[in-house]
């Protein structure tokens, strides 16, 4: 309800600014306000979707996992795509935090897991799941090159009936050292295991082990639920070469500077 009121107020304010700039013949201000109006309409669409989205899963928070298919890359593509999701979330007023970060090198991200919290975040982002292609290196003298990033989107499972019993999960908590790229300093390494299925998840982040423990348990619950009910062909392992050809959800072209 607050979001609806906010969108309406923003729309009214922008309409007044537009009329004022139009009356003064201020072309630059008109262009700026028009861009703000377009952004406001996009935000209104998100609010409308959130209100209309009634499914329990669709209305939940979401874990977004990004992992690289190739070890070698000229830039931190996984980190750049993660930044895109983080910036989008914060721009839309959602809470976002890093649950896990794993690096190939001090400057290249192997995998990163985000938790984005807000109304209907899973409903908004579930279509992002799949392979994302980044095209780079295209110049007059060189052909394009591509790298692939696997994106997985898992729902936060708040329904106790859908969660496995906590007694079936074992948790190992250790302190961590070192610096990351988006985690300023690592503080914990946690491993959660669902003993009946031997499903194991390990995360490294900048939270204390006590603060990180509930997050990894929620991530494991999301993974177990996903494997049981939501698994699709897009969940092929990232190293599966066929995944680089099929299920391309998005393509990004980086222009040569």
Protein backbone atom coordinates (compact mmCIF):
# COMPACT_ATOMS: atom_id res chain seq x y z
CA UNK A 1 0.00 0.00 0.00
CA UNK A 2 2.88 2.35 0.75
CA UNK A 3 4.36 1.56 -2.66
CA UNK A 4 1.08 2.42 -4.38
CA UNK A 5 0.86 5.74 -2.54
CA UNK A 6 4.50 6.45 -3.38
CA UNK A 7 4.03 5.79 -7.08
CA UNK A 8 0.96 8.02 -7.21
CA UNK A 9 2.76 10.87 -5.43
CA UNK A 10 5.79 10.53 -7.68
CA UNK A 11 3.54 10.59 -10.76
CA UNK A 12 1.78 13.75 -9.58
CA UNK A 13 5.09 15.48 -8.80
CA UNK A 14 6.53 14.59 -12.21
CA UNK A 15 3.40 15.78 -14.00
CA UNK A 16 3.73 19.17 -12.30
CA UNK A 17 7.43 19.37 -13.16
CA UNK A 18 6.68 18.47 -16.78
CA UNK A 19 4.05 21.19 -17.12
CA UNK A 20 6.36 23.75 -15.49
CA UNK A 21 9.27 22.89 -17.80
CA UNK A 22 6.95 22.91 -20.81
CA UNK A 23 5.66 26.35 -19.87
CA UNK A 24 9.20 27.69 -19.65
CA UNK A 25 10.26 26.01 -22.89
CA UNK A 26 13.14 24.27 -21.07
CA UNK A 27 14.01 21.45 -23.50
CA UNK A 28 16.74 19.91 -21.34
CA UNK A 29 14.48 19.79 -18.29
CA UNK A 30 11.65 18.36 -20.38
CA UNK A 31 13.90 15.52 -21.56
CA UNK A 32 15.06 14.78 -18.01
CA UNK A 33 11.52 14.73 -16.62
CA UNK A 34 10.31 12.55 -19.52
CA UNK A 35 12.99 9.97 -18.63
CA UNK A 36 11.91 10.08 -14.99
CA UNK A 37 8.29 9.53 -16.05
CA UNK A 38 9.31 6.47 -18.08
CA UNK A 39 11.16 5.05 -15.06
CA UNK A 40 8.18 5.81 -12.84
CA UNK A 41 5.86 3.91 -15.19
CA UNK A 42 8.17 0.89 -15.08
CA UNK A 43 8.12 1.03 -11.28
CA UNK A 44 4.31 1.29 -11.36
CA UNK A 45 4.22 -1.88 -13.47
CA UNK A 46 6.29 -3.69 -10.81
CA UNK A 47 3.97 -2.48 -8.05
CA UNK A 48 0.92 -3.58 -10.07
CA UNK A 49 2.48 -7.01 -10.66
CA UNK A 50 3.25 -7.36 -6.95
CA UNK A 51 -0.35 -6.58 -6.05
CA UNK A 52 -1.80 -8.98 -8.61
CA UNK A 53 0.68 -11.76 -7.89
CA UNK A 54 -1.21 -14.04 -5.46
CA UNK A 55 0.78 -17.29 -5.56
CA UNK A 56 2.63 -18.00 -2.32
CA UNK A 57 5.87 -18.82 -4.12
CA UNK A 58 5.62 -15.89 -6.51
CA UNK A 59 5.23 -13.49 -3.58
CA UNK A 60 8.33 -14.76 -1.79
CA UNK A 61 11.87 -13.43 -1.54
CA UNK A 62 14.47 -14.96 -3.87
CA UNK A 63 18.00 -16.29 -3.88
CA UNK A 64 19.80 -15.42 -7.14
CA UNK A 65 22.85 -17.56 -7.90
CA UNK A 66 25.31 -16.60 -10.65
CA UNK A 67 28.19 -18.82 -11.71
CA UNK A 68 30.64 -18.73 -14.59
CA UNK A 69 30.92 -21.47 -17.16
CA UNK A 70 34.46 -20.52 -18.23
CA UNK A 71 37.45 -20.11 -15.93
CA UNK A 72 39.15 -17.57 -18.20
CA UNK A 73 37.57 -14.19 -18.89
CA UNK A 74 38.93 -10.73 -19.68
CA UNK A 75 36.75 -9.14 -17.01
CA UNK A 76 34.70 -10.05 -13.93
CA UNK A 77 31.51 -10.77 -15.87
CA UNK A 78 29.86 -12.67 -12.99
CA UNK A 79 30.49 -9.75 -10.66
CA UNK A 80 29.27 -7.21 -13.20
CA UNK A 81 26.00 -9.11 -13.69
CA UNK A 82 25.62 -9.46 -9.92
CA UNK A 83 26.04 -5.70 -9.60
CA UNK A 84 23.25 -5.26 -12.13
CA UNK A 85 20.85 -7.29 -9.99
CA UNK A 86 22.00 -5.53 -6.79
CA UNK A 87 21.56 -2.08 -8.31
CA UNK A 88 18.16 -3.02 -9.73
CA UNK A 89 17.00 -4.32 -6.35
CA UNK A 90 18.10 -1.25 -4.45
CA UNK A 91 16.65 1.08 -7.09
CA UNK A 92 13.27 -0.63 -6.68
CA UNK A 93 13.42 -0.41 -2.88
CA UNK A 94 14.17 -4.09 -2.22
CA UNK A 95 16.66 -5.31 0.37
CA UNK A 96 19.68 -7.16 -1.05
CA UNK A 97 22.63 -8.91 0.54
CA UNK A 98 25.46 -11.22 -0.51
CA UNK A 99 25.03 -14.73 0.87
CA UNK A 100 28.07 -16.29 -0.81
CA UNK A 101 31.09 -15.23 -2.84
CA UNK A 102 33.70 -17.51 -4.39
CA UNK A 103 36.61 -16.17 -6.47
CA UNK A 104 38.74 -17.66 -9.24
CA UNK A 105 41.39 -15.01 -8.66
CA UNK A 106 41.46 -11.82 -6.55
CA UNK A 107 39.81 -10.04 -9.52
CA UNK A 108 37.50 -12.69 -10.99
CA UNK A 109 34.32 -14.10 -9.43
CA UNK A 110 33.56 -17.81 -9.81
CA UNK A 111 30.17 -17.75 -8.10
CA UNK A 112 28.02 -15.33 -6.14
CA UNK A 113 24.67 -15.85 -4.40
CA UNK A 114 22.39 -12.92 -3.58
CA UNK A 115 19.32 -12.75 -1.37
CA UNK A 116 16.81 -10.17 -2.62
CA UNK A 117 13.92 -9.47 -0.26
CA UNK A 118 10.63 -7.80 -1.12
CA UNK A 119 7.06 -8.45 -2.23
CA UNK A 120 6.89 -10.85 -5.20
CA UNK A 121 10.65 -10.78 -5.89
CA UNK A 122 10.64 -14.44 -6.93
CA UNK A 123 7.69 -13.76 -9.23
CA UNK A 124 9.61 -10.91 -10.82
CA UNK A 125 12.94 -12.71 -11.22
CA UNK A 126 12.13 -16.38 -11.84
CA UNK A 127 12.22 -15.84 -15.62
CA UNK A 128 15.88 -14.80 -15.27
CA UNK A 129 16.88 -18.42 -14.66
CA UNK A 130 18.97 -19.86 -17.47
CA UNK A 131 22.12 -19.08 -19.42
CA UNK A 132 23.15 -15.46 -19.95
CA UNK A 133 25.55 -14.73 -22.80
CA UNK A 134 28.04 -11.87 -22.69
CA UNK A 135 29.43 -10.86 -26.08
CA UNK A 136 32.68 -8.88 -26.10
CA UNK A 137 35.79 -8.15 -28.14
CA UNK A 138 33.91 -7.21 -31.30
CA UNK A 139 35.94 -4.70 -33.34
CA UNK A 140 36.56 -3.94 -37.00
CA UNK A 141 39.50 -6.36 -36.95
CA UNK A 142 38.32 -9.00 -34.49
CA UNK A 143 35.33 -11.31 -34.37
CA UNK A 144 33.08 -11.38 -31.34
CA UNK A 145 33.73 -13.66 -28.37
CA UNK A 146 31.20 -14.98 -25.88
CA UNK A 147 31.23 -16.06 -22.26
CA UNK A 148 28.31 -17.66 -20.46
CA UNK A 149 26.94 -17.17 -16.98
CA UNK A 150 24.46 -19.55 -15.40
CA UNK A 151 21.73 -17.85 -13.36
CA UNK A 152 19.51 -19.76 -10.95
CA UNK A 153 16.59 -18.23 -9.04
CA UNK A 154 15.28 -20.03 -5.95
CA UNK A 155 12.30 -19.01 -3.79
CA UNK A 156 12.56 -18.39 -0.06
CA UNK A 157 10.52 -21.16 1.58
CA UNK A 158 8.60 -19.70 4.53
CA UNK A 159 5.88 -22.35 4.69
CA UNK A 160 6.81 -24.77 7.48
CA UNK A 161 4.97 -27.58 5.71
CA UNK A 162 7.24 -27.18 2.67
CA UNK A 163 10.47 -27.08 4.67
CA UNK A 164 12.34 -30.22 5.71
CA UNK A 165 12.62 -30.68 9.49
CA UNK A 166 15.50 -28.76 11.04
CA UNK A 167 16.54 -31.99 12.78
CA UNK A 168 17.57 -33.38 9.36
CA UNK A 169 20.06 -30.56 8.75
CA UNK A 170 23.57 -30.42 10.17
CA UNK A 171 25.53 -27.18 10.21
CA UNK A 172 29.27 -26.63 10.41
CA UNK A 173 30.39 -23.06 11.23
CA UNK A 174 33.94 -21.79 10.88
CA UNK A 175 35.57 -18.38 10.83
CA UNK A 176 37.11 -17.21 7.56
CA UNK A 177 39.88 -14.82 6.60
CA UNK A 178 40.77 -12.87 3.49
CA UNK A 179 39.22 -10.23 1.29
CA UNK A 180 36.69 -10.58 -1.47
CA UNK A 181 35.54 -8.36 -4.31
CA UNK A 182 32.05 -7.49 -3.11
CA UNK A 183 32.59 -8.85 0.39
CA UNK A 184 35.05 -6.49 2.00
CA UNK A 185 36.41 -9.10 4.39
CA UNK A 186 35.38 -12.72 4.81
CA UNK A 187 34.24 -13.64 8.31
CA UNK A 188 32.62 -17.05 8.01
CA UNK A 189 32.56 -20.33 6.08
CA UNK A 190 29.46 -22.43 6.70
CA UNK A 191 28.44 -25.84 5.41
CA UNK A 192 24.86 -27.06 5.68
CA UNK A 193 24.00 -30.69 4.91
CA UNK A 194 20.64 -32.38 4.53
CA UNK A 195 21.58 -35.79 5.85
CA UNK A 196 18.81 -37.93 4.23
CA UNK A 197 19.72 -36.77 0.71
CA UNK A 198 23.38 -35.81 1.32
CA UNK A 199 22.65 -32.43 -0.27
CA UNK A 200 25.39 -30.03 0.84
CA UNK A 201 25.87 -26.28 0.44
CA UNK A 202 28.89 -24.26 1.48
CA UNK A 203 28.93 -20.46 1.65
CA UNK A 204 31.59 -17.86 2.38
CA UNK A 205 30.64 -14.30 3.24
CA UNK A 206 31.33 -11.22 5.36
CA UNK A 207 28.71 -12.02 8.00
CA UNK A 208 29.50 -13.52 11.38
CA UNK A 209 28.87 -17.27 11.62
CA UNK A 210 25.87 -16.58 13.87
CA UNK A 211 24.31 -14.13 11.38
CA UNK A 212 25.11 -16.32 8.38
CA UNK A 213 23.66 -19.53 9.84
CA UNK A 214 19.95 -18.73 9.23
CA UNK A 215 20.75 -17.65 5.65
CA UNK A 216 22.50 -20.87 4.68
CA UNK A 217 19.72 -22.92 6.23
CA UNK A 218 17.18 -20.96 4.17
CA UNK A 219 19.34 -21.42 1.06
CA UNK A 220 19.51 -25.18 1.63
CA UNK A 221 15.74 -25.31 2.14
CA UNK A 222 15.28 -23.40 -1.12
CA UNK A 223 17.62 -25.79 -2.95
CA UNK A 224 15.85 -28.87 -1.60
CA UNK A 225 12.42 -27.47 -2.55
CA UNK A 226 13.69 -26.52 -6.00
CA UNK A 227 15.09 -29.96 -6.67
CA UNK A 228 11.86 -31.55 -5.56
CA UNK A 229 9.33 -29.37 -7.36
CA UNK A 230 10.86 -26.81 -9.72
CA UNK A 231 13.77 -28.46 -11.52
CA UNK A 232 13.81 -27.83 -15.27
CA UNK A 233 16.19 -28.51 -18.20
CA UNK A 234 17.82 -25.12 -17.47
CA UNK A 235 19.28 -26.70 -14.33
CA UNK A 236 21.87 -28.68 -16.26
CA UNK A 237 25.35 -28.36 -14.76
CA UNK A 238 27.16 -25.19 -15.77
CA UNK A 239 29.95 -27.20 -17.41
CA UNK A 240 27.46 -28.96 -19.71
CA UNK A 241 28.46 -27.71 -23.19
CA UNK A 242 24.89 -28.07 -24.48
CA UNK A 243 23.79 -25.47 -21.91
CA UNK A 244 25.91 -22.89 -23.74
CA UNK A 245 23.78 -23.32 -26.87
CA UNK A 246 20.29 -23.71 -25.45
CA UNK A 247 18.24 -21.64 -23.04
CA UNK A 248 19.95 -18.29 -23.65
CA UNK A 249 17.78 -16.00 -21.54
CA UNK A 250 19.62 -12.75 -22.17
CA UNK A 251 22.45 -11.52 -24.37
CA UNK A 252 24.63 -8.54 -23.44
CA UNK A 253 26.97 -6.85 -25.90
CA UNK A 254 29.97 -5.00 -24.47
CA UNK A 255 31.21 -2.37 -26.88
CA UNK A 256 34.93 -1.93 -27.39
CA UNK A 257 36.29 1.29 -25.88
